[in-house]
Amino acid sequence: EMLGSSKEPLNLYATNLEMEKGDWTQVAAVAFNDQGDAADYVLTTTIGTRSESDLDCYIADSEDLTDSFNLNSGVKESETIVIQDTGNTNLGLYVCNVELTRNGEKVGDASISIEIV
């Protein structure tokens, strides 16, 4: 189920996940240009609090923590966020923060809570 209105600049398809050690999953993210002109967008992922962990949260297209793209007015860009555990992560709750900027200015942010069980 899509969270938030599809008219929001950033939407995630899931915000709460449960994973076993060594597992991986993916979450769809949609960026939407709700402005009247084209712009440069950057989607960024970061793992909060326990950044020393072996839990990765990255964007599939770029295989990196950021992905840049240009969107015309009214256009959506679908991105896949990969969440992968190396198997060395301690059990517990982790957060992957997702941020979207438009021409360098933050227009959306969301977080994915990941529980390693």
Protein backbone atom coordinates (compact mmCIF):
# COMPACT_ATOMS: atom_id res chain seq x y z
CA GLU A 1 0.00 0.00 0.00
CA MET A 2 1.27 3.43 -0.95
CA LEU A 3 1.87 5.61 2.09
CA GLY A 4 0.99 9.26 1.81
CA SER A 5 -0.67 10.92 -1.12
CA SER A 6 0.78 10.17 -4.55
CA LYS A 7 0.98 13.95 -4.89
CA GLU A 8 3.72 14.08 -2.26
CA PRO A 9 7.29 14.54 -3.57
CA LEU A 10 8.45 11.30 -1.87
CA ASN A 11 6.47 8.13 -1.21
CA LEU A 12 7.62 4.77 0.17
CA TYR A 13 5.72 1.51 -0.27
CA ALA A 14 6.78 0.19 3.15
CA THR A 15 8.05 1.80 6.33
CA ASN A 16 8.21 -1.16 8.75
CA LEU A 17 10.11 -4.33 7.95
CA GLU A 18 11.14 -7.44 9.81
CA MET A 19 14.14 -9.41 8.55
CA GLU A 20 16.21 -12.35 9.66
CA LYS A 21 19.98 -12.13 9.89
CA GLY A 22 21.61 -12.55 6.49
CA ASP A 23 18.40 -11.70 4.66
CA TRP A 24 17.64 -8.90 2.21
CA THR A 25 14.56 -7.13 0.92
CA GLN A 26 13.61 -4.17 -1.22
CA VAL A 27 11.29 -1.20 -0.84
CA ALA A 28 9.89 0.86 -3.70
CA ALA A 29 10.28 4.63 -3.45
CA VAL A 30 8.59 7.08 -5.79
CA ALA A 31 9.78 10.63 -6.41
CA PHE A 32 7.25 13.04 -7.90
CA ASN A 33 7.89 16.47 -9.38
CA ASP A 34 4.92 18.44 -8.05
CA GLN A 35 6.28 21.75 -9.38
CA GLY A 36 5.63 23.58 -12.63
CA ASP A 37 9.06 23.08 -14.14
CA ALA A 38 11.75 20.43 -14.59
CA ALA A 39 14.31 19.98 -11.82
CA ASP A 40 17.27 17.91 -10.68
CA TYR A 41 16.48 15.44 -7.91
CA VAL A 42 18.73 13.43 -5.60
CA LEU A 43 17.50 10.48 -3.55
CA THR A 44 19.73 9.62 -0.56
CA THR A 45 19.66 6.75 1.93
CA THR A 46 21.43 6.58 5.29
CA ILE A 47 21.33 4.07 8.11
CA GLY A 48 20.73 5.98 11.32
CA THR A 49 22.07 5.49 14.86
CA ARG A 50 23.93 2.18 14.40
CA SER A 51 25.90 3.18 11.31
CA GLU A 52 28.71 0.82 12.29
CA SER A 53 26.39 -2.12 11.68
CA ASP A 54 26.57 -4.57 8.81
CA LEU A 55 23.15 -3.55 7.56
CA ASP A 56 23.18 -1.90 4.15
CA CYS A 57 20.51 0.41 2.77
CA TYR A 58 21.18 1.62 -0.76
CA ILE A 59 19.55 2.48 -4.09
CA ALA A 60 19.50 -0.34 -6.62
CA ASP A 61 19.90 1.80 -9.77
CA SER A 62 23.14 3.41 -8.66
CA GLU A 63 24.25 0.64 -6.27
CA ASP A 64 25.12 3.56 -4.01
CA LEU A 65 23.66 5.70 -1.22
CA THR A 66 22.55 8.38 -3.69
CA ASP A 67 20.92 8.48 -7.10
CA SER A 68 20.42 11.61 -9.21
CA PHE A 69 17.83 12.17 -11.91
CA ASN A 70 16.02 14.96 -13.72
CA LEU A 71 12.22 15.06 -13.65
CA ASN A 72 9.91 17.09 -15.83
CA SER A 73 6.87 18.69 -14.23
CA GLY A 74 4.27 16.13 -13.15
CA VAL A 75 6.56 13.16 -13.79
CA LYS A 76 7.27 10.31 -11.33
CA GLU A 77 10.48 8.32 -10.93
CA SER A 78 10.34 4.91 -9.28
CA GLU A 79 13.43 3.76 -7.39
CA THR A 80 14.18 0.53 -5.55
CA ILE A 81 15.82 0.70 -2.14
CA VAL A 82 17.71 -2.46 -1.19
CA ILE A 83 18.08 -3.39 2.48
CA GLN A 84 20.64 -6.12 3.01
CA ASP A 85 22.07 -7.71 6.12
CA THR A 86 25.51 -9.29 5.92
CA GLY A 87 24.60 -11.74 8.67
CA ASN A 88 26.82 -9.99 11.23
CA THR A 89 24.24 -7.45 12.37
CA ASN A 90 23.10 -7.58 15.98
CA LEU A 91 19.44 -8.27 16.59
CA GLY A 92 17.36 -5.16 17.16
CA LEU A 93 15.81 -2.16 15.49
CA TYR A 94 17.54 -0.12 12.79
CA VAL A 95 16.38 2.85 10.73
CA CYS A 96 17.13 3.65 7.10
CA ASN A 97 16.46 7.32 6.40
CA VAL A 98 15.44 8.34 2.90
CA GLU A 99 15.69 11.94 1.72
CA LEU A 100 14.75 13.64 -1.54
CA THR A 101 16.14 16.98 -2.67
CA ARG A 102 14.99 19.17 -5.55
CA ASN A 103 17.68 21.46 -6.97
CA GLY A 104 19.58 21.02 -3.70
CA GLU A 105 16.64 21.80 -1.40
CA LYS A 106 15.04 19.08 0.73
CA VAL A 107 11.48 18.35 -0.42
CA GLY A 108 10.79 15.03 1.26
CA ASP A 109 12.03 12.60 3.85
CA ALA A 110 10.85 9.30 5.26
CA SER A 111 12.27 6.42 7.23
CA ILE A 112 12.12 2.65 7.06
CA SER A 113 12.26 0.81 10.38
CA ILE A 114 14.00 -2.55 10.07
CA GLU A 115 13.86 -5.09 12.85
CA ILE A 116 16.48 -7.84 12.69
CA VAL A 117 14.98 -10.90 14.40
